[in-house]
Amino acid sequence: MNDWPQGPSDDNRGPRYGHGSAGAQPEGARVMRQVRRPQAPPGQRGHGEPSAPPYGNGVPQQPAYVDGQGHDGRGGGYDSGYSSGQVYGNRPGGPGGPYGTGTRPPRPAPNWGRRIKWGVLTLAAVLLVTSVSTYFWADSKLHRDVDLSKVIDRPAAGDGTNYLIVGSDSRAGMSAEEKKKLHTGSAEGQRTDSMMILHVGGNGDTLISLPRDSNVTIPQFKGSESGKIRGPLGQNKLNAAYAIDGPTLLVRTVEYNTGLHIDHYVEIGFAGFAKIVDAVGGVEIDIDKGFKDKYSGADFKAGKQTLNGEQALAFVRTRHAFAASDLQRTKNQQKFLSALAHQVATPSTVMNPFTFYPTMGAGLDSLTVDKDMSLWDLASMFWAMKGVSGGDGTSLNMPISGSVGGNLVWDKAKVKTLVDELNNDQKVTVTGN
């Protein structure tokens, strides 16, 4: 006896054409699937016990789903997918579909060449934007207040570039507490505390200190404010020129007494100098011999040490502690400024934005330069000073032959040789005091 009922034939369906049939007539070409029991082998149909199930002892034969065409999914032809467990059909990609059976499409290998190219382009764009922004920010902070076109009767320019670097005793913007801390005093007006000529050329850079007590002639000049011709004012100390009519008369006096053309002017005051040193994290310097000075606040022992802004200012200003007061002070100034330039130009400062920007900001805020000074000129000056401190250049005091009335007299013959070598951008052979 057959335990699996035969599905009703099409002839016995009557008016029931199946759910979803919208027509009044039977769907002749579409036959509903039926469930039927597989036929037993011929020798066992209707006799005694049935033969052993094909799936093993104790496991009944499972029904197969067939369509009206007699296709059961185990042979060829139509396969509904039920017999293979794929109820919703094959995944695309393999047999029967574009994704394969039970597998995902392989991921494409990463295009590292393209990634690296875009990474480099992005980095280059960021660096370009940062560099341009930094340049315009820095350029806007420069105080271009000195007009060298007002200097009259100038000597011809030679080879290389000459900077006149001035440290003034300006106390502008300093509070009473800051003046006390930095031992600057409260003197009115403004004077030059240090003066140097830096020559940048192809045969080594040269840094020459001009003692402020140098005996020079203050020549005829054009007033920076009035525009009228004044002078000459005769013999006086070099720093008197600045006190009389500021930077332009100082440049005029240096050019008149040396015959050397000054291309650029750079000035820094007390407070600005201290701020630069503090911004860079202090400057290491090796002091040959300890000294004290109650006027500048200096109190140093011999040996290597790192000076902060207050200590650095005391170091470069001290003169009462030395027998040859002005000459020794200029040597200390050269030594420290070269060390400062070296510190500013180190990778630890330049590559660290938390040090670089405060240092640059403090420096640019503190500098007064001529109207033609560019950031490239300023960078060239610092690199040259760094080179001098590293032994790639020469540093000396202006050659002195004696003194008159307490003022230092320059050695005219040596000064002429020195100026000729600088104008011709030759290696300097002259030595100073």
Foldseek 3Di string as FASTA:
>chain_A
DFPFDWDDDPVPPPQPQDPPDPDRDHPVVFFAKIKGDDDAPPVAPPDDDGDAAPVDPPDHDDIFIDGPVGDGQPDDDDHCCVVVVCNPDAEACPVPHNQHHPDGDDDDDDPVVVVVVVVVVVVVVVVVVVVVVVQVVLQVLAAADAALVQWPPFFDAFAFAKEKEFEKADCPPPDPVRCVLLLSDDDDAMWTLWIWIWTDHDQAIEIATEQQLAWFWQAWGQAPPPRDIDDRPGIDGLRVQCRVHHDNSSQNRVCVGQVHGHDKYKYFYLVLQLQLQVLLPFFKDAAQAFWADPNRGEGDHGGIDTDHSSNLSSQLNFQVGDPNRRQVSNVSVLQVLLRSLLSCPDCVQPVDPSRVVSNSSSNSNGMHMHPPDHVVNVNSVSVSSPCVNVVRHYYAYQAFDQADPPGTYGDVVLSNQQSVCSSHVHHDDGHHD
